[in-house]
Structure formats: structure tokens, C-alpha cells
Amino acid sequence: MNRTLIYLLTFAGLTAAAALATVYVQRVAEDEASTIAKAGVSLAQAVGIAERHVGGRAVSADYEDQHGQWVFAVEVVKGKGTMDVTVEASTGKVLAAVGNIDPSIEPDKE
């Protein structure tokens, strides 16, 4: 009988934890959607800004909270190198561009 009670309490605890985790994830997604709607720059604009900054093509982009500041983190490929470009979501300003692109290397022409 004690074993059954332990199983039931364990199951109830795991179910409650899963429910709380689901609510938390939904709330985080809603908060992110709300902040991206208020951004001064759209995702498409941020990608364009990053591509022009590097002179390459974007392969991925994320909307992130970096130290309390919302930014678009855009990965751009040029030639055989990549660069991670951080674009401020409110202004479109490039905050950082870090990577291994050699400016002397031209992209492969196919």
C-alpha cells in the first residue's frame, strides 16, 4: 500500500511539474512575440542590414535578449567564411560582427 501511494504522489508531482513547465514556455513565447512586435526593425530588415554589412548571404537569424537588450543575431556566409552579426532590434544598428571572413577571398562563383 505504501508503494502505491509513493507511485501516485510521484506521478502527481511529475504531472504538476510538466504543467508548470508548459505554462512557463507559453508565457516566454508570448513575451518574445510582444517584444518583437514592438521592435523598430523587422527580421527581414535585420537580415538585410547584416547581409549588406558583411557583403554575404544570411543563413540563420534569431531574436535574442542579450544582457537586457533585444537584438537580432544573424549568421552570414561569405565565400568560405561565416560572420555572426548582432543587429539592435530597436534601431537596426550593427552592434557587433564576429567571424572568420577573409576580405581578400571572393565568394565561389558557380
N, C-alpha and C. Protein backbone atom coordinates (compact mmCIF):
# COMPACT_ATOMS: atom_id res chain seq x y z
N MET A 1 0.82 -1.19 0.00
CA MET A 1 0.00 0.00 0.00
C MET A 1 0.86 1.26 0.00
N ASN A 2 1.93 1.29 0.77
CA ASN A 2 2.82 2.44 0.79
C ASN A 2 3.48 2.67 -0.57
N ARG A 3 3.80 1.57 -1.23
CA ARG A 3 4.43 1.68 -2.53
C ARG A 3 3.48 2.33 -3.54
N THR A 4 2.21 1.97 -3.51
CA THR A 4 1.20 2.56 -4.39
C THR A 4 1.06 4.04 -4.12
N LEU A 5 1.06 4.42 -2.87
CA LEU A 5 0.95 5.83 -2.50
C LEU A 5 2.16 6.62 -3.01
N ILE A 6 3.32 6.03 -2.89
CA ILE A 6 4.54 6.70 -3.38
C ILE A 6 4.46 6.89 -4.89
N TYR A 7 4.01 5.86 -5.62
CA TYR A 7 3.88 5.97 -7.07
C TYR A 7 2.88 7.06 -7.45
N LEU A 8 1.76 7.10 -6.76
CA LEU A 8 0.74 8.11 -7.05
C LEU A 8 1.26 9.52 -6.78
N LEU A 9 1.93 9.70 -5.66
CA LEU A 9 2.47 11.03 -5.33
C LEU A 9 3.56 11.43 -6.32
N THR A 10 4.39 10.49 -6.73
CA THR A 10 5.43 10.78 -7.71
C THR A 10 4.80 11.19 -9.04
N PHE A 11 3.81 10.44 -9.48
CA PHE A 11 3.11 10.75 -10.73
C PHE A 11 2.46 12.13 -10.65
N ALA A 12 1.80 12.43 -9.55
CA ALA A 12 1.15 13.73 -9.38
C ALA A 12 2.18 14.86 -9.42
N GLY A 13 3.32 14.64 -8.78
CA GLY A 13 4.37 15.67 -8.78
C GLY A 13 4.93 15.90 -10.17
N LEU A 14 5.18 14.82 -10.91
CA LEU A 14 5.69 14.95 -12.28
C LEU A 14 4.68 15.62 -13.20
N THR A 15 3.42 15.29 -13.03
CA THR A 15 2.37 15.92 -13.83
C THR A 15 2.29 17.42 -13.55
N ALA A 16 2.35 17.79 -12.28
CA ALA A 16 2.32 19.21 -11.92
C ALA A 16 3.54 19.95 -12.48
N ALA A 17 4.70 19.33 -12.41
CA ALA A 17 5.92 19.96 -12.94
C ALA A 17 5.81 20.16 -14.44
N ALA A 18 5.28 19.18 -15.14
CA ALA A 18 5.11 19.30 -16.60
C ALA A 18 4.13 20.41 -16.94
N ALA A 19 3.06 20.52 -16.18
CA ALA A 19 2.08 21.58 -16.42
C ALA A 19 2.69 22.96 -16.20
N LEU A 20 3.46 23.11 -15.13
CA LEU A 20 4.13 24.39 -14.86
C LEU A 20 5.14 24.73 -15.95
N ALA A 21 5.87 23.75 -16.43
CA ALA A 21 6.84 23.98 -17.50
C ALA A 21 6.14 24.44 -18.77
N THR A 22 5.01 23.86 -19.08
CA THR A 22 4.25 24.24 -20.27
C THR A 22 3.77 25.69 -20.17
N VAL A 23 3.25 26.06 -19.01
CA VAL A 23 2.80 27.44 -18.80
C VAL A 23 3.97 28.40 -18.94
N TYR A 24 5.13 28.05 -18.38
CA TYR A 24 6.30 28.91 -18.46
C TYR A 24 6.73 29.11 -19.92
N VAL A 25 6.79 28.04 -20.68
CA VAL A 25 7.20 28.14 -22.09
C VAL A 25 6.21 29.00 -22.88
N GLN A 26 4.92 28.83 -22.63
CA GLN A 26 3.92 29.64 -23.32
C GLN A 26 4.08 31.12 -22.97
N ARG A 27 4.34 31.41 -21.72
CA ARG A 27 4.50 32.79 -21.28
C ARG A 27 5.74 33.42 -21.89
N VAL A 28 6.83 32.68 -21.96
CA VAL A 28 8.06 33.18 -22.57
C VAL A 28 7.83 33.46 -24.05
N ALA A 29 7.13 32.58 -24.74
CA ALA A 29 6.84 32.77 -26.17
C ALA A 29 5.97 34.01 -26.37
N GLU A 30 4.98 34.21 -25.50
CA GLU A 30 4.12 35.39 -25.60
C GLU A 30 4.92 36.67 -25.36
N ASP A 31 5.82 36.65 -24.37
CA ASP A 31 6.65 37.82 -24.09
C ASP A 31 7.55 38.14 -25.27
N GLU A 32 8.15 37.11 -25.87
CA GLU A 32 9.02 37.33 -27.02
C GLU A 32 8.23 37.87 -28.20
N ALA A 33 7.04 37.34 -28.43
CA ALA A 33 6.20 37.82 -29.53
C ALA A 33 5.82 39.28 -29.31
N SER A 34 5.54 39.63 -28.07
CA SER A 34 5.19 41.01 -27.75
C SER A 34 6.36 41.96 -28.00
N THR A 35 7.57 41.56 -27.60
CA THR A 35 8.73 42.44 -27.79
C THR A 35 9.12 42.55 -29.25
N ILE A 36 8.99 41.48 -30.02
CA ILE A 36 9.35 41.56 -31.44
C ILE A 36 8.36 42.43 -32.20
N ALA A 37 7.10 42.45 -31.75
CA ALA A 37 6.10 43.30 -32.38
C ALA A 37 6.42 44.78 -32.14
N LYS A 38 7.11 45.08 -31.04
CA LYS A 38 7.45 46.47 -30.70
C LYS A 38 8.81 46.89 -31.27
N ALA A 39 9.54 45.96 -31.86
CA ALA A 39 10.88 46.28 -32.38
C ALA A 39 10.77 47.29 -33.52
N GLY A 40 11.74 48.17 -33.60
CA GLY A 40 11.76 49.17 -34.66
C GLY A 40 12.20 48.61 -36.00
N VAL A 41 12.79 47.41 -35.97
CA VAL A 41 13.33 46.78 -37.17
C VAL A 41 12.71 45.39 -37.27
N SER A 42 12.28 45.02 -38.47
CA SER A 42 11.73 43.68 -38.66
C SER A 42 12.87 42.67 -38.85
N LEU A 43 12.52 41.40 -38.77
CA LEU A 43 13.51 40.35 -39.00
C LEU A 43 14.10 40.47 -40.41
N ALA A 44 13.25 40.70 -41.39
CA ALA A 44 13.72 40.83 -42.77
C ALA A 44 14.68 42.02 -42.91
N GLN A 45 14.37 43.12 -42.26
CA GLN A 45 15.26 44.29 -42.32
C GLN A 45 16.59 43.99 -41.65
N ALA A 46 16.55 43.32 -40.51
CA ALA A 46 17.78 42.97 -39.79
C ALA A 46 18.66 42.05 -40.64
N VAL A 47 18.05 41.10 -41.31
CA VAL A 47 18.81 40.21 -42.20
C VAL A 47 19.46 41.02 -43.32
N GLY A 48 18.71 41.94 -43.91
CA GLY A 48 19.27 42.78 -44.97
C GLY A 48 20.42 43.65 -44.48
N ILE A 49 20.27 44.20 -43.30
CA ILE A 49 21.33 45.02 -42.71
C ILE A 49 22.59 44.19 -42.51
N ALA A 50 22.44 42.99 -41.97
CA ALA A 50 23.58 42.11 -41.73
C ALA A 50 24.24 41.68 -43.04
N GLU A 51 23.43 41.34 -44.03
CA GLU A 51 23.98 40.93 -45.33
C GLU A 51 24.77 42.06 -45.97
N ARG A 52 24.24 43.27 -45.93
CA ARG A 52 24.96 44.41 -46.51
C ARG A 52 26.24 44.71 -45.72
N HIS A 53 26.18 44.56 -44.42
CA HIS A 53 27.35 44.84 -43.58
C HIS A 53 28.52 43.91 -43.93
N VAL A 54 28.20 42.65 -44.18
CA VAL A 54 29.24 41.65 -44.46
C VAL A 54 29.49 41.50 -45.96
N GLY A 55 28.45 41.74 -46.76
CA GLY A 55 28.57 41.50 -48.19
C GLY A 55 28.35 40.04 -48.53
N GLY A 56 27.54 39.35 -47.73
CA GLY A 56 27.29 37.93 -47.94
C GLY A 56 25.82 37.62 -47.86
N ARG A 57 25.52 36.35 -47.60
CA ARG A 57 24.14 35.86 -47.52
C ARG A 57 23.86 35.30 -46.13
N ALA A 58 22.71 35.68 -45.58
CA ALA A 58 22.31 35.18 -44.26
C ALA A 58 21.86 33.72 -44.38
N VAL A 59 22.27 32.91 -43.40
CA VAL A 59 21.85 31.52 -43.37
C VAL A 59 20.99 31.22 -42.14
N SER A 60 21.02 32.09 -41.15
CA SER A 60 20.14 31.93 -39.99
C SER A 60 20.01 33.27 -39.27
N ALA A 61 18.90 33.39 -38.53
CA ALA A 61 18.68 34.60 -37.75
C ALA A 61 17.82 34.25 -36.54
N ASP A 62 18.17 34.82 -35.40
CA ASP A 62 17.42 34.61 -34.16
C ASP A 62 17.15 35.95 -33.51
N TYR A 63 16.07 35.99 -32.74
CA TYR A 63 15.72 37.16 -31.95
C TYR A 63 16.06 36.83 -30.52
N GLU A 64 16.97 37.58 -29.91
CA GLU A 64 17.51 37.21 -28.60
C GLU A 64 17.56 38.40 -27.65
N ASP A 65 17.49 38.07 -26.38
CA ASP A 65 17.71 39.04 -25.31
C ASP A 65 19.16 38.90 -24.87
N GLN A 66 19.98 39.87 -25.22
CA GLN A 66 21.39 39.84 -24.83
C GLN A 66 21.63 40.92 -23.78
N HIS A 67 21.76 40.47 -22.55
CA HIS A 67 22.04 41.38 -21.43
C HIS A 67 20.99 42.48 -21.31
N GLY A 68 19.73 42.10 -21.47
CA GLY A 68 18.64 43.06 -21.32
C GLY A 68 18.33 43.88 -22.56
N GLN A 69 19.00 43.60 -23.65
CA GLN A 69 18.78 44.34 -24.90
C GLN A 69 18.36 43.35 -25.98
N TRP A 70 17.24 43.63 -26.65
CA TRP A 70 16.76 42.73 -27.70
C TRP A 70 17.51 43.01 -28.99
N VAL A 71 18.02 41.93 -29.57
CA VAL A 71 18.81 42.03 -30.80
C VAL A 71 18.44 40.89 -31.74
N PHE A 72 18.80 41.08 -33.01
CA PHE A 72 18.75 40.01 -33.99
C PHE A 72 20.16 39.50 -34.15
N ALA A 73 20.35 38.20 -33.98
CA ALA A 73 21.66 37.57 -34.19
C ALA A 73 21.58 36.88 -35.55
N VAL A 74 22.34 37.39 -36.51
CA VAL A 74 22.27 36.91 -37.89
C VAL A 74 23.60 36.27 -38.27
N GLU A 75 23.55 35.05 -38.76
CA GLU A 75 24.76 34.39 -39.26
C GLU A 75 24.82 34.60 -40.77
N VAL A 76 25.94 35.16 -41.23
CA VAL A 76 26.10 35.49 -42.64
C VAL A 76 27.30 34.73 -43.19
N VAL A 77 27.13 34.16 -44.39
CA VAL A 77 28.19 33.43 -45.07
C VAL A 77 28.69 34.27 -46.23
N LYS A 78 30.02 34.32 -46.35
CA LYS A 78 30.65 34.97 -47.50
C LYS A 78 31.85 34.13 -47.89
N GLY A 79 31.85 33.67 -49.12
CA GLY A 79 32.94 32.79 -49.54
C GLY A 79 32.91 31.53 -48.71
N LYS A 80 34.03 31.24 -48.07
CA LYS A 80 34.12 30.04 -47.24
C LYS A 80 34.09 30.37 -45.75
N GLY A 81 33.80 31.63 -45.43
CA GLY A 81 33.76 32.04 -44.04
C GLY A 81 32.37 32.42 -43.58
N THR A 82 32.23 32.56 -42.27
CA THR A 82 30.96 32.98 -41.68
C THR A 82 31.21 34.13 -40.71
N MET A 83 30.17 34.92 -40.51
CA MET A 83 30.25 36.02 -39.56
C MET A 83 28.93 36.08 -38.81
N ASP A 84 29.03 36.24 -37.50
CA ASP A 84 27.85 36.43 -36.65
C ASP A 84 27.67 37.93 -36.44
N VAL A 85 26.56 38.45 -36.94
CA VAL A 85 26.29 39.88 -36.88
C VAL A 85 25.15 40.12 -35.89
N THR A 86 25.37 41.05 -34.97
CA THR A 86 24.35 41.41 -33.98
C THR A 86 23.76 42.76 -34.38
N VAL A 87 22.45 42.77 -34.62
CA VAL A 87 21.75 43.98 -35.05
C VAL A 87 20.77 44.38 -33.95
N GLU A 88 20.88 45.62 -33.50
CA GLU A 88 19.98 46.12 -32.46
C GLU A 88 18.55 46.17 -33.00
N ALA A 89 17.61 45.56 -32.27
CA ALA A 89 16.23 45.44 -32.74
C ALA A 89 15.50 46.78 -32.79
N SER A 90 15.86 47.71 -31.94
CA SER A 90 15.12 48.98 -31.90
C SER A 90 15.59 49.97 -32.97
N THR A 91 16.88 49.92 -33.35
CA THR A 91 17.40 50.91 -34.28
C THR A 91 17.94 50.36 -35.59
N GLY A 92 18.29 49.08 -35.62
CA GLY A 92 18.90 48.50 -36.81
C GLY A 92 20.40 48.70 -36.87
N LYS A 93 20.98 49.23 -35.81
CA LYS A 93 22.42 49.47 -35.76
C LYS A 93 23.16 48.14 -35.57
N VAL A 94 24.26 47.97 -36.32
CA VAL A 94 25.10 46.79 -36.14
C VAL A 94 25.94 47.00 -34.88
N LEU A 95 25.73 46.13 -33.89
CA LEU A 95 26.44 46.24 -32.62
C LEU A 95 27.74 45.46 -32.63
N ALA A 96 27.77 44.36 -33.37
CA ALA A 96 28.98 43.53 -33.42
C ALA A 96 28.94 42.67 -34.68
N ALA A 97 30.13 42.33 -35.15
CA ALA A 97 30.28 41.41 -36.27
C ALA A 97 31.55 40.61 -36.01
N VAL A 98 31.36 39.34 -35.68
CA VAL A 98 32.48 38.49 -35.29
C VAL A 98 32.49 37.25 -36.16
N GLY A 99 33.66 36.92 -36.69
CA GLY A 99 33.73 35.70 -37.50
C GLY A 99 35.08 35.52 -38.14
N ASN A 100 35.08 34.70 -39.17
CA ASN A 100 36.34 34.35 -39.82
C ASN A 100 36.30 34.59 -41.32
N ILE A 101 35.76 35.71 -41.74
CA ILE A 101 35.71 36.03 -43.16
C ILE A 101 36.96 36.81 -43.53
N ASP A 102 37.68 36.30 -44.51
CA ASP A 102 38.86 36.97 -45.03
C ASP A 102 38.40 37.89 -46.16
N PRO A 103 38.56 39.20 -46.02
CA PRO A 103 38.05 40.13 -47.04
C PRO A 103 38.71 39.95 -48.40
N SER A 104 39.86 39.29 -48.45
CA SER A 104 40.56 39.10 -49.73
C SER A 104 40.00 37.91 -50.50
N ILE A 105 39.15 37.08 -49.85
CA ILE A 105 38.61 35.90 -50.51
C ILE A 105 37.27 36.27 -51.16
N GLU A 106 37.18 36.01 -52.44
CA GLU A 106 35.93 36.25 -53.15
C GLU A 106 35.03 35.02 -53.03
N PRO A 107 33.72 35.21 -53.03
CA PRO A 107 32.81 34.07 -52.96
C PRO A 107 33.00 33.15 -54.18
N ASP A 108 32.72 31.86 -53.99
CA ASP A 108 32.79 30.91 -55.09
C ASP A 108 31.71 31.27 -56.11
N LYS A 109 32.09 31.24 -57.38
CA LYS A 109 31.12 31.51 -58.46
C LYS A 109 30.78 30.20 -59.11
N GLU A 110 29.49 29.93 -59.15
CA GLU A 110 29.05 28.65 -59.73
C GLU A 110 28.30 28.89 -61.00
